[in-house]
């Protein structure tokens, strides 16, 4: 019988080599800062009228998309995938964001139109 012993030499995951504890903490810190900004918008800027609600909605969307990028890129390891997969997912992600913006615009128009009739 042949020897099927497996060693870890030569089988290291090079695609995960850049994701160490320091980078994980850095990304977690960025996500925490973005979340704190979202809370500040929701609990302070919008209720006190420092920022109109519709601008706040767009800021929420942008901040949420940035958070989604960091989560997908680092914690789901997309940053370490091949370029073709990155582009396919990124293009889909851009279209989803585009459709969200279109639905907000259309919903605002319908709201105004229905209020007038």
N, C-alpha and C. Protein backbone atom coordinates (compact mmCIF):
# COMPACT_ATOMS: atom_id res chain seq x y z
N UNK A 1 0.83 -1.18 0.00
CA UNK A 1 0.00 0.00 0.00
C UNK A 1 0.88 1.24 0.00
N UNK A 2 0.33 2.28 -0.54
CA UNK A 2 1.10 3.51 -0.62
C UNK A 2 0.85 4.35 0.62
N UNK A 3 1.79 5.21 0.87
CA UNK A 3 1.70 6.09 2.03
C UNK A 3 0.94 7.35 1.64
N UNK A 4 -0.18 7.61 2.31
CA UNK A 4 -1.01 8.78 2.01
C UNK A 4 -0.94 9.81 3.11
N UNK A 5 0.22 9.98 3.68
CA UNK A 5 0.33 10.98 4.75
C UNK A 5 0.30 12.38 4.13
N UNK A 6 -0.41 13.25 4.79
CA UNK A 6 -0.57 14.61 4.30
C UNK A 6 0.19 15.56 5.21
N UNK A 7 0.96 16.40 4.61
CA UNK A 7 1.67 17.41 5.37
C UNK A 7 1.16 18.78 4.93
N UNK A 8 1.43 19.74 5.73
CA UNK A 8 0.99 21.09 5.40
C UNK A 8 2.00 21.82 4.54
N UNK A 9 3.14 21.25 4.33
CA UNK A 9 4.15 21.91 3.50
C UNK A 9 3.67 21.92 2.05
N UNK A 10 3.75 23.07 1.44
CA UNK A 10 3.34 23.20 0.06
C UNK A 10 1.85 23.35 -0.13
N UNK A 11 1.09 23.24 0.95
CA UNK A 11 -0.36 23.36 0.85
C UNK A 11 -0.88 24.58 1.60
N UNK A 12 -0.01 25.55 1.79
CA UNK A 12 -0.46 26.75 2.48
C UNK A 12 -1.36 27.55 1.56
N UNK A 13 -2.30 28.20 2.15
CA UNK A 13 -3.27 28.97 1.39
C UNK A 13 -2.72 30.37 1.13
N UNK A 14 -2.12 30.57 0.00
CA UNK A 14 -1.54 31.85 -0.35
C UNK A 14 -2.58 32.93 -0.51
N UNK A 15 -3.80 32.55 -0.87
CA UNK A 15 -4.82 33.56 -1.07
C UNK A 15 -5.28 34.17 0.24
N UNK A 16 -5.02 33.53 1.36
CA UNK A 16 -5.41 34.05 2.66
C UNK A 16 -4.21 34.61 3.42
N UNK A 17 -3.07 34.67 2.76
CA UNK A 17 -1.86 35.11 3.45
C UNK A 17 -1.96 36.57 3.89
N UNK A 18 -2.70 37.40 3.17
CA UNK A 18 -2.79 38.80 3.51
C UNK A 18 -3.80 39.11 4.60
N UNK A 19 -4.56 38.13 5.05
CA UNK A 19 -5.60 38.36 6.05
C UNK A 19 -5.10 37.89 7.41
N UNK A 20 -4.41 38.78 8.10
CA UNK A 20 -3.91 38.46 9.42
C UNK A 20 -4.76 39.17 10.48
N UNK A 21 -4.41 38.99 11.72
CA UNK A 21 -5.21 39.58 12.80
C UNK A 21 -5.25 41.09 12.73
N UNK A 22 -4.14 41.70 12.36
CA UNK A 22 -4.11 43.17 12.28
C UNK A 22 -5.07 43.68 11.22
N UNK A 23 -5.13 43.01 10.07
CA UNK A 23 -6.04 43.45 9.01
C UNK A 23 -7.49 43.21 9.42
N UNK A 24 -7.75 42.11 10.10
CA UNK A 24 -9.11 41.84 10.57
C UNK A 24 -9.56 42.94 11.54
N UNK A 25 -8.69 43.33 12.46
CA UNK A 25 -9.03 44.39 13.40
C UNK A 25 -9.20 45.73 12.70
N UNK A 26 -8.38 45.98 11.67
CA UNK A 26 -8.50 47.22 10.91
C UNK A 26 -9.86 47.28 10.21
N UNK A 27 -10.24 46.20 9.55
CA UNK A 27 -11.53 46.16 8.86
C UNK A 27 -12.67 46.26 9.87
N UNK A 28 -12.54 45.58 11.00
CA UNK A 28 -13.57 45.66 12.05
C UNK A 28 -13.69 47.10 12.56
N UNK A 29 -12.56 47.79 12.69
CA UNK A 29 -12.58 49.19 13.12
C UNK A 29 -13.27 50.08 12.10
N UNK A 30 -12.99 49.85 10.81
CA UNK A 30 -13.64 50.63 9.75
C UNK A 30 -15.15 50.39 9.79
N UNK A 31 -15.55 49.14 9.95
CA UNK A 31 -16.99 48.82 10.01
C UNK A 31 -17.63 49.47 11.23
N UNK A 32 -16.92 49.52 12.34
CA UNK A 32 -17.44 50.16 13.55
C UNK A 32 -17.61 51.66 13.35
N UNK A 33 -16.64 52.28 12.70
CA UNK A 33 -16.73 53.73 12.44
C UNK A 33 -17.91 54.03 11.52
N UNK A 34 -18.09 53.24 10.47
CA UNK A 34 -19.20 53.45 9.56
C UNK A 34 -20.54 53.27 10.29
N UNK A 35 -20.62 52.26 11.15
CA UNK A 35 -21.83 52.04 11.92
C UNK A 35 -22.09 53.21 12.87
N UNK A 36 -21.05 53.75 13.48
CA UNK A 36 -21.21 54.91 14.37
C UNK A 36 -21.72 56.12 13.59
N UNK A 37 -21.24 56.29 12.36
CA UNK A 37 -21.73 57.39 11.52
C UNK A 37 -23.21 57.19 11.21
N UNK A 38 -23.59 55.96 10.90
CA UNK A 38 -25.01 55.67 10.63
C UNK A 38 -25.88 55.96 11.85
N UNK A 39 -25.41 55.58 13.02
CA UNK A 39 -26.17 55.87 14.25
C UNK A 39 -26.25 57.37 14.48
N UNK A 40 -25.17 58.10 14.23
CA UNK A 40 -25.20 59.55 14.41
C UNK A 40 -26.20 60.18 13.46
N UNK A 41 -26.27 59.68 12.24
CA UNK A 41 -27.27 60.19 11.29
C UNK A 41 -28.68 59.92 11.79
N UNK A 42 -28.91 58.69 12.23
CA UNK A 42 -30.27 58.28 12.61
C UNK A 42 -30.73 58.92 13.91
N UNK A 43 -29.84 59.09 14.86
CA UNK A 43 -30.25 59.56 16.18
C UNK A 43 -30.00 61.04 16.44
N UNK A 44 -29.18 61.68 15.59
CA UNK A 44 -28.87 63.08 15.86
C UNK A 44 -29.13 63.98 14.65
N UNK A 45 -28.51 63.69 13.51
CA UNK A 45 -28.54 64.61 12.37
C UNK A 45 -29.92 64.75 11.75
N UNK A 46 -30.60 63.64 11.55
CA UNK A 46 -31.91 63.69 10.89
C UNK A 46 -33.01 64.17 11.84
N UNK A 47 -33.12 63.66 13.07
CA UNK A 47 -34.21 64.13 13.95
C UNK A 47 -34.11 65.61 14.32
N UNK A 48 -32.91 66.16 14.43
CA UNK A 48 -32.75 67.56 14.80
C UNK A 48 -32.79 68.46 13.57
N UNK A 49 -32.97 67.87 12.41
CA UNK A 49 -33.10 68.57 11.14
C UNK A 49 -31.80 69.23 10.67
N UNK A 50 -30.66 68.68 11.09
CA UNK A 50 -29.39 69.14 10.53
C UNK A 50 -29.21 68.60 9.11
N UNK A 51 -29.95 67.55 8.80
CA UNK A 51 -29.84 66.89 7.51
C UNK A 51 -31.23 66.45 7.07
N UNK A 52 -31.66 66.83 5.85
CA UNK A 52 -32.98 66.39 5.38
C UNK A 52 -33.06 64.87 5.25
N UNK A 53 -34.25 64.34 5.40
CA UNK A 53 -34.46 62.89 5.38
C UNK A 53 -33.99 62.26 4.07
N UNK A 54 -34.27 62.88 2.93
CA UNK A 54 -33.90 62.25 1.66
C UNK A 54 -32.39 62.20 1.48
N UNK A 55 -31.65 63.21 1.98
CA UNK A 55 -30.19 63.12 1.94
C UNK A 55 -29.69 62.02 2.89
N UNK A 56 -30.35 61.91 4.03
CA UNK A 56 -30.00 60.85 4.97
C UNK A 56 -30.20 59.47 4.38
N UNK A 57 -31.28 59.29 3.61
CA UNK A 57 -31.51 57.99 2.96
C UNK A 57 -30.39 57.63 2.01
N UNK A 58 -29.97 58.61 1.20
CA UNK A 58 -28.87 58.34 0.26
C UNK A 58 -27.56 58.07 0.99
N UNK A 59 -27.35 58.77 2.10
CA UNK A 59 -26.13 58.51 2.88
C UNK A 59 -26.17 57.12 3.50
N UNK A 60 -27.35 56.69 3.98
CA UNK A 60 -27.48 55.33 4.51
C UNK A 60 -27.13 54.30 3.44
N UNK A 61 -27.64 54.52 2.24
CA UNK A 61 -27.38 53.58 1.15
C UNK A 61 -25.89 53.51 0.85
N UNK A 62 -25.24 54.66 0.73
CA UNK A 62 -23.81 54.67 0.43
C UNK A 62 -23.01 54.01 1.55
N UNK A 63 -23.31 54.35 2.78
CA UNK A 63 -22.58 53.76 3.90
C UNK A 63 -22.81 52.25 3.99
N UNK A 64 -24.02 51.82 3.72
CA UNK A 64 -24.32 50.39 3.74
C UNK A 64 -23.59 49.65 2.62
N UNK A 65 -23.48 50.27 1.46
CA UNK A 65 -22.74 49.65 0.36
C UNK A 65 -21.25 49.57 0.68
N UNK A 66 -20.71 50.58 1.34
CA UNK A 66 -19.31 50.53 1.74
C UNK A 66 -19.09 49.41 2.76
N UNK A 67 -20.01 49.29 3.72
CA UNK A 67 -19.90 48.21 4.70
C UNK A 67 -20.01 46.85 4.01
N UNK A 68 -20.92 46.72 3.07
CA UNK A 68 -21.06 45.46 2.34
C UNK A 68 -19.79 45.12 1.57
N UNK A 69 -19.15 46.15 0.98
CA UNK A 69 -17.88 45.90 0.28
C UNK A 69 -16.84 45.31 1.21
N UNK A 70 -16.66 45.94 2.37
CA UNK A 70 -15.64 45.45 3.31
C UNK A 70 -15.96 44.03 3.80
N UNK A 71 -17.21 43.75 4.07
CA UNK A 71 -17.58 42.42 4.54
C UNK A 71 -17.33 41.38 3.46
N UNK A 72 -17.75 41.67 2.24
CA UNK A 72 -17.58 40.71 1.15
C UNK A 72 -16.11 40.58 0.78
N UNK A 73 -15.39 41.68 0.73
CA UNK A 73 -14.00 41.63 0.29
C UNK A 73 -13.10 40.92 1.28
N UNK A 74 -13.26 41.20 2.56
CA UNK A 74 -12.31 40.66 3.53
C UNK A 74 -12.83 39.43 4.27
N UNK A 75 -14.05 39.49 4.79
CA UNK A 75 -14.54 38.38 5.59
C UNK A 75 -15.07 37.23 4.74
N UNK A 76 -15.50 37.53 3.51
CA UNK A 76 -15.93 36.47 2.61
C UNK A 76 -14.84 36.18 1.57
N UNK A 77 -13.68 36.79 1.72
CA UNK A 77 -12.46 36.52 0.95
C UNK A 77 -12.58 36.78 -0.54
N UNK A 78 -13.48 37.66 -0.97
CA UNK A 78 -13.60 37.97 -2.39
C UNK A 78 -12.37 38.72 -2.89
N UNK A 79 -11.73 39.48 -2.03
CA UNK A 79 -10.55 40.24 -2.42
C UNK A 79 -9.44 39.32 -2.92
N UNK A 80 -9.45 38.09 -2.49
CA UNK A 80 -8.39 37.15 -2.85
C UNK A 80 -8.80 36.19 -3.97
N UNK A 81 -9.94 36.44 -4.60
CA UNK A 81 -10.40 35.59 -5.70
C UNK A 81 -9.82 36.10 -7.02
N UNK A 82 -10.09 35.33 -8.07
CA UNK A 82 -9.61 35.71 -9.40
C UNK A 82 -10.37 36.93 -9.90
N UNK A 83 -9.74 37.66 -10.82
CA UNK A 83 -10.30 38.91 -11.32
C UNK A 83 -11.65 38.71 -12.00
N UNK A 84 -11.83 37.62 -12.74
CA UNK A 84 -13.08 37.38 -13.44
C UNK A 84 -14.26 37.28 -12.49
N UNK A 85 -14.08 36.56 -11.39
CA UNK A 85 -15.16 36.43 -10.40
C UNK A 85 -15.41 37.78 -9.72
N UNK A 86 -14.34 38.50 -9.42
CA UNK A 86 -14.51 39.82 -8.81
C UNK A 86 -15.31 40.74 -9.72
N UNK A 87 -14.98 40.75 -11.00
CA UNK A 87 -15.69 41.63 -11.93
C UNK A 87 -17.15 41.21 -12.09
N UNK A 88 -17.40 39.91 -12.18
CA UNK A 88 -18.78 39.44 -12.34
C UNK A 88 -19.64 39.85 -11.15
N UNK A 89 -19.11 39.69 -9.96
CA UNK A 89 -19.88 40.07 -8.77
C UNK A 89 -19.99 41.58 -8.62
N UNK A 90 -18.93 42.30 -8.96
CA UNK A 90 -18.95 43.75 -8.84
C UNK A 90 -19.95 44.38 -9.80
N UNK A 91 -19.99 43.90 -11.04
CA UNK A 91 -20.95 44.43 -12.01
C UNK A 91 -22.38 44.16 -11.53
N UNK A 92 -22.62 42.97 -11.00
CA UNK A 92 -23.95 42.67 -10.46
C UNK A 92 -24.29 43.59 -9.29
N UNK A 93 -23.31 43.83 -8.45
CA UNK A 93 -23.50 44.70 -7.29
C UNK A 93 -23.80 46.13 -7.72
N UNK A 94 -23.12 46.61 -8.74
CA UNK A 94 -23.37 47.97 -9.24
C UNK A 94 -24.79 48.08 -9.79
N UNK A 95 -25.24 47.06 -10.53
CA UNK A 95 -26.61 47.09 -11.05
C UNK A 95 -27.64 47.06 -9.94
N UNK A 96 -27.39 46.29 -8.90
CA UNK A 96 -28.32 46.27 -7.77
C UNK A 96 -28.41 47.66 -7.13
N UNK A 97 -27.27 48.30 -6.93
CA UNK A 97 -27.27 49.66 -6.39
C UNK A 97 -27.99 50.63 -7.30
N UNK A 98 -27.77 50.49 -8.60
CA UNK A 98 -28.45 51.34 -9.59
C UNK A 98 -29.96 51.15 -9.51
N UNK A 99 -30.41 49.91 -9.40
CA UNK A 99 -31.85 49.65 -9.32
C UNK A 99 -32.44 50.16 -8.01
N UNK A 100 -31.69 50.12 -6.93
CA UNK A 100 -32.17 50.69 -5.67
C UNK A 100 -32.41 52.18 -5.82
N UNK A 101 -31.44 52.87 -6.43
CA UNK A 101 -31.59 54.31 -6.64
C UNK A 101 -32.78 54.60 -7.54
N UNK A 102 -32.94 53.82 -8.61
CA UNK A 102 -34.08 54.03 -9.50
C UNK A 102 -35.41 53.81 -8.78
N UNK A 103 -35.48 52.79 -7.93
CA UNK A 103 -36.72 52.55 -7.19
C UNK A 103 -37.02 53.67 -6.21
N UNK A 104 -35.99 54.23 -5.57
CA UNK A 104 -36.22 55.37 -4.68
C UNK A 104 -36.74 56.58 -5.44
N UNK A 105 -36.17 56.83 -6.60
CA UNK A 105 -36.63 57.96 -7.41
C UNK A 105 -38.06 57.73 -7.87
N UNK A 106 -38.35 56.54 -8.38
CA UNK A 106 -39.69 56.22 -8.85
C UNK A 106 -40.70 56.26 -7.70
N UNK A 107 -40.30 55.74 -6.54
CA UNK A 107 -41.20 55.76 -5.39
C UNK A 107 -41.50 57.18 -4.95
N UNK A 108 -40.49 58.05 -5.00
CA UNK A 108 -40.72 59.45 -4.65
C UNK A 108 -41.66 60.13 -5.63
N UNK A 109 -41.48 59.83 -6.92
CA UNK A 109 -42.37 60.39 -7.94
C UNK A 109 -43.80 59.91 -7.74
N UNK A 110 -43.97 58.61 -7.50
CA UNK A 110 -45.31 58.07 -7.29
C UNK A 110 -45.96 58.65 -6.04
N UNK A 111 -45.17 58.86 -5.01
CA UNK A 111 -45.70 59.46 -3.78
C UNK A 111 -46.22 60.86 -4.06
N UNK A 112 -45.44 61.66 -4.76
CA UNK A 112 -45.86 63.02 -5.11
C UNK A 112 -47.09 62.98 -6.02
N UNK A 113 -47.07 62.10 -6.99
CA UNK A 113 -48.17 62.00 -7.95
C UNK A 113 -49.47 61.56 -7.27
N UNK A 114 -49.39 60.60 -6.37
CA UNK A 114 -50.59 60.12 -5.68
C UNK A 114 -51.13 61.16 -4.70
N UNK A 115 -50.26 62.00 -4.13
CA UNK A 115 -50.71 63.03 -3.20
C UNK A 115 -51.49 64.12 -3.93
N UNK A 116 -51.15 64.36 -5.20
CA UNK A 116 -51.82 65.39 -5.97
C UNK A 116 -53.16 64.95 -6.52
N UNK A 117 -53.42 63.67 -6.56
CA UNK A 117 -54.68 63.18 -7.14
C UNK A 117 -55.57 62.62 -6.10
